[in-house]
Amino acid sequence: PGLRAAIREVLPEAVWQRCYVQ
């Protein structure tokens, strides 16, 4: 946990998933 945790907290699950897939 680190950058991912921070990004997940800032961005919602939907946006996080979209960015992760892309």
PDB file of N, CA and C in Angstrom:
ATOM      1  N   PRO A   1       0.832  -1.220   0.000  1.00  0.00           N
ATOM      2  CA  PRO A   1       0.000   0.000   0.000  1.00  0.00           C
ATOM      3  C   PRO A   1       0.859   1.261   0.000  1.00  0.00           C
ATOM      4  N   GLY A   2       0.500   2.211  -0.803  1.00  0.00           N
ATOM      5  CA  GLY A   2       1.312   3.445  -0.895  1.00  0.00           C
ATOM      6  C   GLY A   2       0.645   4.382  -1.875  1.00  0.00           C
ATOM      7  N   LEU A   3       1.196   4.459  -3.088  1.00  0.00           N
ATOM      8  CA  LEU A   3       0.575   5.319  -4.109  1.00  0.00           C
ATOM      9  C   LEU A   3      -0.821   4.808  -4.427  1.00  0.00           C
ATOM     10  N   ARG A   4      -0.946   3.500  -4.538  1.00  0.00           N
ATOM     11  CA  ARG A   4      -2.265   2.927  -4.858  1.00  0.00           C
ATOM     12  C   ARG A   4      -3.272   3.319  -3.789  1.00  0.00           C
ATOM     13  N   ALA A   5      -2.891   3.175  -2.538  1.00  0.00           N
ATOM     14  CA  ALA A   5      -3.814   3.500  -1.437  1.00  0.00           C
ATOM     15  C   ALA A   5      -4.217   4.974  -1.517  1.00  0.00           C
ATOM     16  N   ALA A   6      -3.251   5.835  -1.783  1.00  0.00           N
ATOM     17  CA  ALA A   6      -3.547   7.274  -1.849  1.00  0.00           C
ATOM     18  C   ALA A   6      -4.496   7.554  -3.018  1.00  0.00           C
ATOM     19  N   ILE A   7      -4.200   6.969  -4.160  1.00  0.00           N
ATOM     20  CA  ILE A   7      -5.044   7.209  -5.341  1.00  0.00           C
ATOM     21  C   ILE A   7      -6.448   6.673  -5.084  1.00  0.00           C
ATOM     22  N   ARG A   8      -6.529   5.495  -4.471  1.00  0.00           N
ATOM     23  CA  ARG A   8      -7.845   4.902  -4.212  1.00  0.00           C
ATOM     24  C   ARG A   8      -8.647   5.793  -3.282  1.00  0.00           C
ATOM     25  N   GLU A   9      -7.967   6.394  -2.331  1.00  0.00           N
ATOM     26  CA  GLU A   9      -8.688   7.279  -1.401  1.00  0.00           C
ATOM     27  C   GLU A   9      -9.168   8.534  -2.116  1.00  0.00           C
ATOM     28  N   VAL A  10      -8.345   9.040  -3.027  1.00  0.00           N
ATOM     29  CA  VAL A  10      -8.705  10.278  -3.735  1.00  0.00           C
ATOM     30  C   VAL A  10      -9.763   9.997  -4.799  1.00  0.00           C
ATOM     31  N   LEU A  11      -9.538   8.941  -5.570  1.00  0.00           N
ATOM     32  CA  LEU A  11     -10.486   8.636  -6.649  1.00  0.00           C
ATOM     33  C   LEU A  11     -11.451   7.534  -6.225  1.00  0.00           C
ATOM     34  N   PRO A  12     -12.675   7.584  -6.742  1.00  0.00           N
ATOM     35  CA  PRO A  12     -13.680   6.563  -6.448  1.00  0.00           C
ATOM     36  C   PRO A  12     -13.319   5.223  -7.090  1.00  0.00           C
ATOM     37  N   GLU A  13     -14.019   4.180  -6.677  1.00  0.00           N
ATOM     38  CA  GLU A  13     -13.711   2.847  -7.215  1.00  0.00           C
ATOM     39  C   GLU A  13     -13.880   2.805  -8.723  1.00  0.00           C
ATOM     40  N   ALA A  14     -14.959   3.394  -9.236  1.00  0.00           N
ATOM     41  CA  ALA A  14     -15.218   3.367 -10.677  1.00  0.00           C
ATOM     42  C   ALA A  14     -14.056   3.993 -11.445  1.00  0.00           C
ATOM     43  N   VAL A  15     -13.647   5.179 -11.023  1.00  0.00           N
ATOM     44  CA  VAL A  15     -12.551   5.874 -11.718  1.00  0.00           C
ATOM     45  C   VAL A  15     -11.257   5.085 -11.557  1.00  0.00           C
ATOM     46  N   TRP A  16     -11.016   4.572 -10.364  1.00  0.00           N
ATOM     47  CA  TRP A  16      -9.781   3.816 -10.112  1.00  0.00           C
ATOM     48  C   TRP A  16      -9.716   2.596 -11.030  1.00  0.00           C
ATOM     49  N   GLN A  17     -10.850   1.894 -11.141  1.00  0.00           N
ATOM     50  CA  GLN A  17     -10.882   0.707 -11.998  1.00  0.00           C
ATOM     51  C   GLN A  17     -10.621   1.100 -13.448  1.00  0.00           C
ATOM     52  N   ARG A  18     -11.238   2.175 -13.893  1.00  0.00           N
ATOM     53  CA  ARG A  18     -11.051   2.606 -15.296  1.00  0.00           C
ATOM     54  C   ARG A  18      -9.581   2.932 -15.552  1.00  0.00           C
ATOM     55  N   CYS A  19      -8.965   3.651 -14.640  1.00  0.00           N
ATOM     56  CA  CYS A  19      -7.556   4.017 -14.817  1.00  0.00           C
ATOM     57  C   CYS A  19      -6.691   2.765 -14.745  1.00  0.00           C
ATOM     58  N   TYR A  20      -7.028   1.859 -13.852  1.00  0.00           N
ATOM     59  CA  TYR A  20      -6.228   0.648 -13.693  1.00  0.00           C
ATOM     60  C   TYR A  20      -6.301  -0.207 -14.962  1.00  0.00           C
ATOM     61  N   VAL A  21      -7.523  -0.347 -15.507  1.00  0.00           N
ATOM     62  CA  VAL A  21      -7.685  -1.155 -16.721  1.00  0.00           C
ATOM     63  C   VAL A  21      -6.956  -0.501 -17.883  1.00  0.00           C
ATOM     64  N   GLN A  22      -7.042   0.806 -17.974  1.00  0.00           N
ATOM     65  CA  GLN A  22      -6.414   1.530 -19.067  1.00  0.00           C
ATOM     66  C   GLN A  22      -4.982   1.832 -18.679  1.00  0.00           C
TER      67      GLN A  22
END
